[in-house]
Amino acid sequence: QVQLVESGGGLVLPGGSLRLSCAASGFTFSSYSMSWYRQAPGKERELVAVISGGGSTNYKDSVKGRFTISRDNARNTLYLQMNSLKPEDTAVYFCYRNGGYWGKGTLVTVSA
């Protein structure tokens, strides 16, 4: 079955960096677009970035230039490199595959 397992979250100072990972299994990873979503406390879940199987990317405007989505199809792993983090980036970050498949999320807290 499809499994998505996120890791890499934590507490970071404003201006700092984190790299999130999503280990995927149970499907042909390279054949699917993959996405990162996030959900801040009291807010709706929102799309952060998406990457096609071939590597084309798109980003939420507020993270452009700071976040980079990438994938390693040989390792069935999705990444989100987050730089210049701001307090408003605080959220649970989720990995998503089309068809309604979600990971359980990893918490990112940006705070001094």
PDB file of N, CA and C in Angstrom:
ATOM      1  N   GLN A   1       0.831  -1.185   0.000  1.00  0.00           N
ATOM      2  CA  GLN A   1       0.000   0.000   0.000  1.00  0.00           C
ATOM      3  C   GLN A   1       0.874   1.246   0.000  1.00  0.00           C
ATOM      4  N   VAL A   2       0.266   2.348  -0.410  1.00  0.00           N
ATOM      5  CA  VAL A   2       0.999   3.612  -0.464  1.00  0.00           C
ATOM      6  C   VAL A   2       1.331   4.076   0.946  1.00  0.00           C
ATOM      7  N   GLN A   3       2.597   4.409   1.166  1.00  0.00           N
ATOM      8  CA  GLN A   3       3.029   4.970   2.449  1.00  0.00           C
ATOM      9  C   GLN A   3       3.911   6.179   2.181  1.00  0.00           C
ATOM     10  N   LEU A   4       3.675   7.224   2.949  1.00  0.00           N
ATOM     11  CA  LEU A   4       4.465   8.450   2.884  1.00  0.00           C
ATOM     12  C   LEU A   4       4.867   8.805   4.306  1.00  0.00           C
ATOM     13  N   VAL A   5       6.156   8.924   4.549  1.00  0.00           N
ATOM     14  CA  VAL A   5       6.646   9.184   5.902  1.00  0.00           C
ATOM     15  C   VAL A   5       7.574  10.397   5.878  1.00  0.00           C
ATOM     16  N   GLU A   6       7.107  11.466   6.527  1.00  0.00           N
ATOM     17  CA  GLU A   6       7.889  12.698   6.579  1.00  0.00           C
ATOM     18  C   GLU A   6       8.859  12.684   7.755  1.00  0.00           C
ATOM     19  N   SER A   7       9.939  13.436   7.600  1.00  0.00           N
ATOM     20  CA  SER A   7      10.901  13.627   8.679  1.00  0.00           C
ATOM     21  C   SER A   7      11.629  14.941   8.453  1.00  0.00           C
ATOM     22  N   GLY A   8      12.346  15.392   9.490  1.00  0.00           N
ATOM     23  CA  GLY A   8      13.187  16.568   9.346  1.00  0.00           C
ATOM     24  C   GLY A   8      12.668  17.832   9.990  1.00  0.00           C
ATOM     25  N   GLY A   9      11.469  17.783  10.541  1.00  0.00           N
ATOM     26  CA  GLY A   9      10.944  18.969  11.195  1.00  0.00           C
ATOM     27  C   GLY A   9      11.658  19.245  12.518  1.00  0.00           C
ATOM     28  N   GLY A  10      11.334  20.397  13.099  1.00  0.00           N
ATOM     29  CA  GLY A  10      11.933  20.757  14.369  1.00  0.00           C
ATOM     30  C   GLY A  10      11.770  22.229  14.677  1.00  0.00           C
ATOM     31  N   LEU A  11      12.496  22.668  15.686  1.00  0.00           N
ATOM     32  CA  LEU A  11      12.484  24.063  16.117  1.00  0.00           C
ATOM     33  C   LEU A  11      13.691  24.772  15.508  1.00  0.00           C
ATOM     34  N   VAL A  12      13.453  25.913  14.882  1.00  0.00           N
ATOM     35  CA  VAL A  12      14.540  26.645  14.233  1.00  0.00           C
ATOM     36  C   VAL A  12      14.343  28.140  14.469  1.00  0.00           C
ATOM     37  N   LEU A  13      15.426  28.855  14.556  1.00  0.00           N
ATOM     38  CA  LEU A  13      15.364  30.305  14.727  1.00  0.00           C
ATOM     39  C   LEU A  13      14.951  30.985  13.425  1.00  0.00           C
ATOM     40  N   PRO A  14      14.300  32.129  13.522  1.00  0.00           N
ATOM     41  CA  PRO A  14      14.016  32.902  12.298  1.00  0.00           C
ATOM     42  C   PRO A  14      15.294  33.149  11.500  1.00  0.00           C
ATOM     43  N   GLY A  15      15.192  32.957  10.186  1.00  0.00           N
ATOM     44  CA  GLY A  15      16.354  33.071   9.324  1.00  0.00           C
ATOM     45  C   GLY A  15      17.095  31.770   9.120  1.00  0.00           C
ATOM     46  N   GLY A  16      16.736  30.761   9.874  1.00  0.00           N
ATOM     47  CA  GLY A  16      17.394  29.473   9.779  1.00  0.00           C
ATOM     48  C   GLY A  16      16.878  28.605   8.647  1.00  0.00           C
ATOM     49  N   SER A  17      17.409  27.388   8.586  1.00  0.00           N
ATOM     50  CA  SER A  17      17.079  26.450   7.508  1.00  0.00           C
ATOM     51  C   SER A  17      16.728  25.077   8.064  1.00  0.00           C
ATOM     52  N   LEU A  18      15.909  24.371   7.309  1.00  0.00           N
ATOM     53  CA  LEU A  18      15.590  22.970   7.580  1.00  0.00           C
ATOM     54  C   LEU A  18      15.417  22.264   6.253  1.00  0.00           C
ATOM     55  N   ARG A  19      15.671  20.975   6.243  1.00  0.00           N
ATOM     56  CA  ARG A  19      15.348  20.158   5.069  1.00  0.00           C
ATOM     57  C   ARG A  19      14.405  19.044   5.500  1.00  0.00           C
ATOM     58  N   LEU A  20      13.242  19.033   4.899  1.00  0.00           N
ATOM     59  CA  LEU A  20      12.276  17.975   5.139  1.00  0.00           C
ATOM     60  C   LEU A  20      12.460  16.869   4.109  1.00  0.00           C
ATOM     61  N   SER A  21      12.177  15.645   4.533  1.00  0.00           N
ATOM     62  CA  SER A  21      12.214  14.497   3.644  1.00  0.00           C
ATOM     63  C   SER A  21      10.889  13.754   3.724  1.00  0.00           C
ATOM     64  N   CYS A  22      10.536  13.091   2.647  1.00  0.00           N
ATOM     65  CA  CYS A  22       9.350  12.240   2.605  1.00  0.00           C
ATOM     66  C   CYS A  22       9.736  10.936   1.917  1.00  0.00           C
ATOM     67  N   ALA A  23       9.776   9.867   2.687  1.00  0.00           N
ATOM     68  CA  ALA A  23      10.093   8.553   2.136  1.00  0.00           C
ATOM     69  C   ALA A  23       8.812   7.906   1.624  1.00  0.00           C
ATOM     70  N   ALA A  24       8.816   7.552   0.361  1.00  0.00           N
ATOM     71  CA  ALA A  24       7.623   7.000  -0.282  1.00  0.00           C
ATOM     72  C   ALA A  24       7.813   5.515  -0.583  1.00  0.00           C
ATOM     73  N   SER A  25       6.725   4.767  -0.489  1.00  0.00           N
ATOM     74  CA  SER A  25       6.761   3.351  -0.817  1.00  0.00           C
ATOM     75  C   SER A  25       5.387   2.889  -1.256  1.00  0.00           C
ATOM     76  N   GLY A  26       5.346   1.752  -1.935  1.00  0.00           N
ATOM     77  CA  GLY A  26       4.083   1.153  -2.331  1.00  0.00           C
ATOM     78  C   GLY A  26       3.563   1.576  -3.689  1.00  0.00           C
ATOM     79  N   PHE A  27       4.341   2.369  -4.422  1.00  0.00           N
ATOM     80  CA  PHE A  27       3.944   2.782  -5.766  1.00  0.00           C
ATOM     81  C   PHE A  27       5.198   3.176  -6.544  1.00  0.00           C
ATOM     82  N   THR A  28       5.023   3.374  -7.847  1.00  0.00           N
ATOM     83  CA  THR A  28       6.141   3.767  -8.698  1.00  0.00           C
ATOM     84  C   THR A  28       6.354   5.270  -8.561  1.00  0.00           C
ATOM     85  N   PHE A  29       7.256   5.624  -7.681  1.00  0.00           N
ATOM     86  CA  PHE A  29       7.454   7.021  -7.259  1.00  0.00           C
ATOM     87  C   PHE A  29       7.685   7.954  -8.448  1.00  0.00           C
ATOM     88  N   SER A  30       8.508   7.537  -9.382  1.00  0.00           N
ATOM     89  CA  SER A  30       8.894   8.424 -10.481  1.00  0.00           C
ATOM     90  C   SER A  30       7.735   8.774 -11.401  1.00  0.00           C
ATOM     91  N   SER A  31       6.641   8.034 -11.312  1.00  0.00           N
ATOM     92  CA  SER A  31       5.508   8.244 -12.210  1.00  0.00           C
ATOM     93  C   SER A  31       4.526   9.304 -11.728  1.00  0.00           C
ATOM     94  N   TYR A  32       4.727   9.794 -10.520  1.00  0.00           N
ATOM     95  CA  TYR A  32       3.744  10.693  -9.907  1.00  0.00           C
ATOM     96  C   TYR A  32       4.320  12.053  -9.565  1.00  0.00           C
ATOM     97  N   SER A  33       3.499  13.089  -9.797  1.00  0.00           N
ATOM     98  CA  SER A  33       3.786  14.374  -9.186  1.00  0.00           C
ATOM     99  C   SER A  33       3.626  14.236  -7.684  1.00  0.00           C
ATOM    100  N   MET A  34       4.453  14.992  -6.952  1.00  0.00           N
ATOM    101  CA  MET A  34       4.406  14.966  -5.493  1.00  0.00           C
ATOM    102  C   MET A  34       4.349  16.396  -4.980  1.00  0.00           C
ATOM    103  N   SER A  35       3.750  16.557  -3.820  1.00  0.00           N
ATOM    104  CA  SER A  35       3.545  17.896  -3.281  1.00  0.00           C
ATOM    105  C   SER A  35       3.879  17.962  -1.804  1.00  0.00           C
ATOM    106  N   TRP A  36       4.177  19.169  -1.364  1.00  0.00           N
ATOM    107  CA  TRP A  36       4.244  19.502   0.060  1.00  0.00           C
ATOM    108  C   TRP A  36       3.105  20.459   0.368  1.00  0.00           C
ATOM    109  N   TYR A  37       2.362  20.162   1.421  1.00  0.00           N
ATOM    110  CA  TYR A  37       1.347  21.037   1.961  1.00  0.00           C
ATOM    111  C   TYR A  37       1.758  21.395   3.391  1.00  0.00           C
ATOM    112  N   ARG A  38       1.111  22.435   3.918  1.00  0.00           N
ATOM    113  CA  ARG A  38       1.315  22.743   5.328  1.00  0.00           C
ATOM    114  C   ARG A  38       0.010  23.239   5.937  1.00  0.00           C
ATOM    115  N   GLN A  39      -0.082  23.061   7.253  1.00  0.00           N
ATOM    116  CA  GLN A  39      -1.258  23.525   7.977  1.00  0.00           C
ATOM    117  C   GLN A  39      -0.805  24.180   9.266  1.00  0.00           C
ATOM    118  N   ALA A  40      -1.041  25.482   9.363  1.00  0.00           N
ATOM    119  CA  ALA A  40      -0.709  26.229  10.561  1.00  0.00           C
ATOM    120  C   ALA A  40      -1.865  26.114  11.555  1.00  0.00           C
ATOM    121  N   PRO A  41      -1.587  26.328  12.837  1.00  0.00           N
ATOM    122  CA  PRO A  41      -2.647  26.233  13.853  1.00  0.00           C
ATOM    123  C   PRO A  41      -3.820  27.144  13.521  1.00  0.00           C
ATOM    124  N   GLY A  42      -5.011  26.578  13.514  1.00  0.00           N
ATOM    125  CA  GLY A  42      -6.217  27.355  13.269  1.00  0.00           C
ATOM    126  C   GLY A  42      -6.449  27.752  11.826  1.00  0.00           C
ATOM    127  N   LYS A  43      -5.632  27.234  10.913  1.00  0.00           N
ATOM    128  CA  LYS A  43      -5.765  27.601   9.502  1.00  0.00           C
ATOM    129  C   LYS A  43      -5.983  26.357   8.646  1.00  0.00           C
ATOM    130  N   GLU A  44      -6.427  26.602   7.406  1.00  0.00           N
ATOM    131  CA  GLU A  44      -6.635  25.499   6.494  1.00  0.00           C
ATOM    132  C   GLU A  44      -5.301  25.009   5.916  1.00  0.00           C
ATOM    133  N   ARG A  45      -5.315  23.762   5.482  1.00  0.00           N
ATOM    134  CA  ARG A  45      -4.135  23.210   4.831  1.00  0.00           C
ATOM    135  C   ARG A  45      -3.931  23.907   3.487  1.00  0.00           C
ATOM    136  N   GLU A  46      -2.669  24.222   3.169  1.00  0.00           N
ATOM    137  CA  GLU A  46      -2.379  24.934   1.931  1.00  0.00           C
ATOM    138  C   GLU A  46      -1.224  24.290   1.186  1.00  0.00           C
ATOM    139  N   LEU A  47      -1.286  24.419  -0.146  1.00  0.00           N
ATOM    140  CA  LEU A  47      -0.229  23.881  -0.986  1.00  0.00           C
ATOM    141  C   LEU A  47       1.002  24.772  -0.911  1.00  0.00           C
ATOM    142  N   VAL A  48       2.155  24.153  -0.702  1.00  0.00           N
ATOM    143  CA  VAL A  48       3.409  24.888  -0.616  1.00  0.00           C
ATOM    144  C   VAL A  48       4.210  24.769  -1.909  1.00  0.00           C
ATOM    145  N   ALA A  49       4.351  23.536  -2.390  1.00  0.00           N
ATOM    146  CA  ALA A  49       5.167  23.307  -3.584  1.00  0.00           C
ATOM    147  C   ALA A  49       4.783  21.975  -4.208  1.00  0.00           C
ATOM    148  N   VAL A  50       4.971  21.878  -5.526  1.00  0.00           N
ATOM    149  CA  VAL A  50       4.679  20.652  -6.243  1.00  0.00           C
ATOM    150  C   VAL A  50       5.800  20.395  -7.241  1.00  0.00           C
ATOM    151  N   ILE A  51       6.082  19.112  -7.463  1.00  0.00           N
ATOM    152  CA  ILE A  51       7.102  18.727  -8.433  1.00  0.00           C
ATOM    153  C   ILE A  51       6.569  17.570  -9.266  1.00  0.00           C
ATOM    154  N   SER A  52       6.732  17.672 -10.573  1.00  0.00           N
ATOM    155  CA  SER A  52       6.280  16.604 -11.458  1.00  0.00           C
ATOM    156  C   SER A  52       7.272  15.442 -11.431  1.00  0.00           C
ATOM    157  N   GLY A  53       6.883  14.359 -12.056  1.00  0.00           N
ATOM    158  CA  GLY A  53       7.795  13.223 -12.145  1.00  0.00           C
ATOM    159  C   GLY A  53       9.081  13.566 -12.869  1.00  0.00           C
ATOM    160  N   GLY A  54       8.986  14.505 -13.798  1.00  0.00           N
ATOM    161  CA  GLY A  54      10.144  14.923 -14.568  1.00  0.00           C
ATOM    162  C   GLY A  54      10.938  16.052 -13.955  1.00  0.00           C
ATOM    163  N   GLY A  55      10.429  16.606 -12.835  1.00  0.00           N
ATOM    164  CA  GLY A  55      11.186  17.615 -12.119  1.00  0.00           C
ATOM    165  C   GLY A  55      10.724  19.045 -12.268  1.00  0.00           C
ATOM    166  N   SER A  56       9.640  19.293 -13.008  1.00  0.00           N
ATOM    167  CA  SER A  56       9.100  20.653 -13.079  1.00  0.00           C
ATOM    168  C   SER A  56       8.488  21.032 -11.743  1.00  0.00           C
ATOM    169  N   THR A  57       8.668  22.301 -11.356  1.00  0.00           N
ATOM    170  CA  THR A  57       8.240  22.725 -10.021  1.00  0.00           C
ATOM    171  C   THR A  57       7.349  23.954 -10.050  1.00  0.00           C
ATOM    172  N   ASN A  58       6.532  24.080  -9.022  1.00  0.00           N
ATOM    173  CA  ASN A  58       5.743  25.278  -8.779  1.00  0.00           C
ATOM    174  C   ASN A  58       5.655  25.518  -7.276  1.00  0.00           C
ATOM    175  N   TYR A  59       5.551  26.818  -6.917  1.00  0.00           N
ATOM    176  CA  TYR A  59       5.588  27.193  -5.502  1.00  0.00           C
ATOM    177  C   TYR A  59       4.493  28.180  -5.144  1.00  0.00           C
ATOM    178  N   LYS A  60       4.081  28.119  -3.900  1.00  0.00           N
ATOM    179  CA  LYS A  60       3.259  29.180  -3.312  1.00  0.00           C
ATOM    180  C   LYS A  60       4.081  30.465  -3.341  1.00  0.00           C
ATOM    181  N   ASP A  61       3.422  31.573  -3.656  1.00  0.00           N
ATOM    182  CA  ASP A  61       4.148  32.831  -3.829  1.00  0.00           C
ATOM    183  C   ASP A  61       5.005  33.191  -2.616  1.00  0.00           C
ATOM    184  N   SER A  62       4.487  32.967  -1.424  1.00  0.00           N
ATOM    185  CA  SER A  62       5.179  33.426  -0.220  1.00  0.00           C
ATOM    186  C   SER A  62       6.451  32.641   0.084  1.00  0.00           C
ATOM    187  N   VAL A  63       6.669  31.516  -0.592  1.00  0.00           N
ATOM    188  CA  VAL A  63       7.883  30.726  -0.341  1.00  0.00           C
ATOM    189  C   VAL A  63       8.854  30.752  -1.514  1.00  0.00           C
ATOM    190  N   LYS A  64       8.440  31.381  -2.614  1.00  0.00           N
ATOM    191  CA  LYS A  64       9.337  31.442  -3.783  1.00  0.00           C
ATOM    192  C   LYS A  64      10.645  32.127  -3.419  1.00  0.00           C
ATOM    193  N   GLY A  65      11.749  31.525  -3.846  1.00  0.00           N
ATOM    194  CA  GLY A  65      13.058  32.076  -3.552  1.00  0.00           C
ATOM    195  C   GLY A  65      13.625  31.634  -2.217  1.00  0.00           C
ATOM    196  N   ARG A  66      12.779  31.041  -1.381  1.00  0.00           N
ATOM    197  CA  ARG A  66      13.250  30.564  -0.064  1.00  0.00           C
ATOM    198  C   ARG A  66      13.200  29.043   0.054  1.00  0.00           C
ATOM    199  N   PHE A  67      12.192  28.424  -0.543  1.00  0.00           N
ATOM    200  CA  PHE A  67      12.011  26.966  -0.466  1.00  0.00           C
ATOM    201  C   PHE A  67      12.341  26.337  -1.814  1.00  0.00           C
ATOM    202  N   THR A  68      12.880  25.117  -1.754  1.00  0.00           N
ATOM    203  CA  THR A  68      13.164  24.351  -2.962  1.00  0.00           C
ATOM    204  C   THR A  68      12.659  22.928  -2.795  1.00  0.00           C
ATOM    205  N   ILE A  69      11.763  22.525  -3.685  1.00  0.00           N
ATOM    206  CA  ILE A  69      11.285  21.152  -3.693  1.00  0.00           C
ATOM    207  C   ILE A  69      12.137  20.353  -4.675  1.00  0.00           C
ATOM    208  N   SER A  70      12.461  19.127  -4.289  1.00  0.00           N
ATOM    209  CA  SER A  70      13.259  18.267  -5.161  1.00  0.00           C
ATOM    210  C   SER A  70      12.885  16.816  -4.883  1.00  0.00           C
ATOM    211  N   ARG A  71      13.379  15.941  -5.740  1.00  0.00           N
ATOM    212  CA  ARG A  71      13.079  14.523  -5.569  1.00  0.00           C
ATOM    213  C   ARG A  71      14.260  13.695  -6.023  1.00  0.00           C
ATOM    214  N   ASP A  72      14.395  12.525  -5.399  1.00  0.00           N
ATOM    215  CA  ASP A  72      15.388  11.539  -5.800  1.00  0.00           C
ATOM    216  C   ASP A  72      14.607  10.280  -6.159  1.00  0.00           C
ATOM    217  N   ASN A  73      14.374  10.081  -7.441  1.00  0.00           N
ATOM    218  CA  ASN A  73      13.554   8.948  -7.872  1.00  0.00           C
ATOM    219  C   ASN A  73      14.227   7.608  -7.599  1.00  0.00           C
ATOM    220  N   ALA A  74      15.532   7.591  -7.528  1.00  0.00           N
ATOM    221  CA  ALA A  74      16.236   6.339  -7.226  1.00  0.00           C
ATOM    222  C   ALA A  74      16.038   5.936  -5.764  1.00  0.00           C
ATOM    223  N   ARG A  75      15.843   6.925  -4.906  1.00  0.00           N
ATOM    224  CA  ARG A  75      15.660   6.652  -3.475  1.00  0.00           C
ATOM    225  C   ARG A  75      14.210   6.792  -3.032  1.00  0.00           C
ATOM    226  N   ASN A  76      13.312   7.062  -4.000  1.00  0.00           N
ATOM    227  CA  ASN A  76      11.876   7.204  -3.668  1.00  0.00           C
ATOM    228  C   ASN A  76      11.666   8.213  -2.549  1.00  0.00           C
ATOM    229  N   THR A  77      12.342   9.340  -2.662  1.00  0.00           N
ATOM    230  CA  THR A  77      12.293  10.339  -1.603  1.00  0.00           C
ATOM    231  C   THR A  77      12.051  11.730  -2.178  1.00  0.00           C
ATOM    232  N   LEU A  78      11.170  12.442  -1.499  1.00  0.00           N
ATOM    233  CA  LEU A  78      10.832  13.822  -1.817  1.00  0.00           C
ATOM    234  C   LEU A  78      11.462  14.716  -0.759  1.00  0.00           C
ATOM    235  N   TYR A  79      11.917  15.895  -1.163  1.00  0.00           N
ATOM    236  CA  TYR A  79      12.570  16.811  -0.234  1.00  0.00           C
ATOM    237  C   TYR A  79      11.948  18.204  -0.308  1.00  0.00           C
ATOM    238  N   LEU A  80      12.101  18.944   0.790  1.00  0.00           N
ATOM    239  CA  LEU A  80      11.776  20.367   0.787  1.00  0.00           C
ATOM    240  C   LEU A  80      12.872  21.081   1.562  1.00  0.00           C
ATOM    241  N   GLN A  81      13.719  21.802   0.852  1.00  0.00           N
ATOM    242  CA  GLN A  81      14.741  22.622   1.488  1.00  0.00           C
ATOM    243  C   GLN A  81      14.133  23.979   1.795  1.00  0.00           C
ATOM    244  N   MET A  82      14.163  24.354   3.059  1.00  0.00           N
ATOM    245  CA  MET A  82      13.546  25.599   3.506  1.00  0.00           C
ATOM    246  C   MET A  82      14.620  26.505   4.088  1.00  0.00           C
ATOM    247  N   ASN A  83      14.830  27.644   3.469  1.00  0.00           N
ATOM    248  CA  ASN A  83      15.821  28.632   3.918  1.00  0.00           C
ATOM    249  C   ASN A  83      15.114  29.921   4.316  1.00  0.00           C
ATOM    250  N   SER A  84      15.838  30.766   5.024  1.00  0.00           N
ATOM    251  CA  SER A  84      15.302  32.070   5.452  1.00  0.00           C
ATOM    252  C   SER A  84      13.931  31.916   6.087  1.00  0.00           C
ATOM    253  N   LEU A  85      13.828  30.979   6.990  1.00  0.00           N
ATOM    254  CA  LEU A  85      12.528  30.672   7.594  1.00  0.00           C
ATOM    255  C   LEU A  85      12.010  31.831   8.423  1.00  0.00           C
ATOM    256  N   LYS A  86      10.689  31.978   8.399  1.00  0.00           N
ATOM    257  CA  LYS A  86       9.997  33.042   9.118  1.00  0.00           C
ATOM    258  C   LYS A  86       9.012  32.423  10.102  1.00  0.00           C
ATOM    259  N   PRO A  87       8.650  33.165  11.140  1.00  0.00           N
ATOM    260  CA  PRO A  87       7.668  32.624  12.095  1.00  0.00           C
ATOM    261  C   PRO A  87       6.370  32.174  11.418  1.00  0.00           C
ATOM    262  N   GLU A  88       5.978  32.860  10.361  1.00  0.00           N
ATOM    263  CA  GLU A  88       4.740  32.489   9.670  1.00  0.00           C
ATOM    264  C   GLU A  88       4.866  31.188   8.869  1.00  0.00           C
ATOM    265  N   ASP A  89       6.055  30.612   8.789  1.00  0.00           N
ATOM    266  CA  ASP A  89       6.227  29.296   8.178  1.00  0.00           C
ATOM    267  C   ASP A  89       5.931  28.172   9.170  1.00  0.00           C
ATOM    268  N   THR A  90       5.697  28.525  10.422  1.00  0.00           N
ATOM    269  CA  THR A  90       5.375  27.515  11.432  1.00  0.00           C
ATOM    270  C   THR A  90       4.106  26.762  11.051  1.00  0.00           C
ATOM    271  N   ALA A  91       4.211  25.437  10.981  1.00  0.00           N
ATOM    272  CA  ALA A  91       3.081  24.614  10.556  1.00  0.00           C
ATOM    273  C   ALA A  91       3.491  23.145  10.628  1.00  0.00           C
ATOM    274  N   VAL A  92       2.497  22.292  10.484  1.00  0.00           N
ATOM    275  CA  VAL A  92       2.769  20.884  10.206  1.00  0.00           C
ATOM    276  C   VAL A  92       2.862  20.742   8.692  1.00  0.00           C
ATOM    277  N   TYR A  93       3.928  20.133   8.234  1.00  0.00           N
ATOM    278  CA  TYR A  93       4.176  19.968   6.802  1.00  0.00           C
ATOM    279  C   TYR A  93       3.880  18.520   6.410  1.00  0.00           C
ATOM    280  N   PHE A  94       3.100  18.390   5.323  1.00  0.00           N
ATOM    281  CA  PHE A  94       2.638  17.092   4.865  1.00  0.00           C
ATOM    282  C   PHE A  94       3.130  16.820   3.449  1.00  0.00           C
ATOM    283  N   CYS A  95       3.448  15.591   3.212  1.00  0.00           N
ATOM    284  CA  CYS A  95       3.765  15.075   1.882  1.00  0.00           C
ATOM    285  C   CYS A  95       2.456  14.541   1.288  1.00  0.00           C
ATOM    286  N   TYR A  96       2.254  14.742  -0.018  1.00  0.00           N
ATOM    287  CA  TYR A  96       0.998  14.331  -0.645  1.00  0.00           C
ATOM    288  C   TYR A  96       1.241  13.755  -2.031  1.00  0.00           C
ATOM    289  N   ARG A  97       0.501  12.664  -2.326  1.00  0.00           N
ATOM    290  CA  ARG A  97       0.473  12.111  -3.679  1.00  0.00           C
ATOM    291  C   ARG A  97      -0.946  12.107  -4.198  1.00  0.00           C
ATOM    292  N   ASN A  98      -1.113  12.417  -5.443  1.00  0.00           N
ATOM    293  CA  ASN A  98      -2.454  12.399  -6.047  1.00  0.00           C
ATOM    294  C   ASN A  98      -3.182  11.104  -5.732  1.00  0.00           C
ATOM    295  N   GLY A  99      -4.488  11.233  -5.515  1.00  0.00           N
ATOM    296  CA  GLY A  99      -5.314  10.088  -5.161  1.00  0.00           C
ATOM    297  C   GLY A  99      -5.689  10.080  -3.699  1.00  0.00           C
ATOM    298  N   GLY A 100      -5.290  11.141  -3.001  1.00  0.00           N
ATOM    299  CA  GLY A 100      -5.693  11.280  -1.608  1.00  0.00           C
ATOM    300  C   GLY A 100      -4.756  10.663  -0.598  1.00  0.00           C
ATOM    301  N   TYR A 101      -3.489  10.518  -0.978  1.00  0.00           N
ATOM    302  CA  TYR A 101      -2.522   9.891  -0.089  1.00  0.00           C
ATOM    303  C   TYR A 101      -1.682  10.947   0.638  1.00  0.00           C
ATOM    304  N   TRP A 102      -1.785  10.912   1.962  1.00  0.00           N
ATOM    305  CA  TRP A 102      -1.089  11.875   2.821  1.00  0.00           C
ATOM    306  C   TRP A 102      -0.156  11.159   3.782  1.00  0.00           C
ATOM    307  N   GLY A 103       0.950  11.819   4.110  1.00  0.00           N
ATOM    308  CA  GLY A 103       1.741  11.393   5.243  1.00  0.00           C
ATOM    309  C   GLY A 103       1.127  11.928   6.521  1.00  0.00           C
ATOM    310  N   LYS A 104       1.745  11.586   7.658  1.00  0.00           N
ATOM    311  CA  LYS A 104       1.212  12.040   8.939  1.00  0.00           C
ATOM    312  C   LYS A 104       1.709  13.421   9.317  1.00  0.00           C
ATOM    313  N   GLY A 105       2.715  13.905   8.611  1.00  0.00           N
ATOM    314  CA  GLY A 105       3.194  15.258   8.827  1.00  0.00           C
ATOM    315  C   GLY A 105       4.383  15.349   9.768  1.00  0.00           C
ATOM    316  N   THR A 106       5.091  16.472   9.625  1.00  0.00           N
ATOM    317  CA  THR A 106       6.209  16.777  10.513  1.00  0.00           C
ATOM    318  C   THR A 106       6.107  18.250  10.903  1.00  0.00           C
ATOM    319  N   LEU A 107       6.292  18.535  12.191  1.00  0.00           N
ATOM    320  CA  LEU A 107       6.073  19.879  12.700  1.00  0.00           C
ATOM    321  C   LEU A 107       7.315  20.739  12.526  1.00  0.00           C
ATOM    322  N   VAL A 108       7.116  21.912  11.952  1.00  0.00           N
ATOM    323  CA  VAL A 108       8.169  22.922  11.837  1.00  0.00           C
ATOM    324  C   VAL A 108       7.756  24.124  12.672  1.00  0.00           C
ATOM    325  N   THR A 109       8.611  24.492  13.600  1.00  0.00           N
ATOM    326  CA  THR A 109       8.357  25.653  14.450  1.00  0.00           C
ATOM    327  C   THR A 109       9.486  26.651  14.270  1.00  0.00           C
ATOM    328  N   VAL A 110       9.130  27.861  13.850  1.00  0.00           N
ATOM    329  CA  VAL A 110      10.117  28.923  13.650  1.00  0.00           C
ATOM    330  C   VAL A 110       9.889  29.969  14.732  1.00  0.00           C
ATOM    331  N   SER A 111      10.818  30.040  15.660  1.00  0.00           N
ATOM    332  CA  SER A 111      10.614  30.915  16.807  1.00  0.00           C
ATOM    333  C   SER A 111      11.948  31.254  17.443  1.00  0.00           C
ATOM    334  N   ALA A 112      12.000  32.469  18.011  1.00  0.00           N
ATOM    335  CA  ALA A 112      13.186  32.880  18.763  1.00  0.00           C
ATOM    336  C   ALA A 112      13.049  32.467  20.215  1.00  0.00           C
TER     337      ALA A 112
END
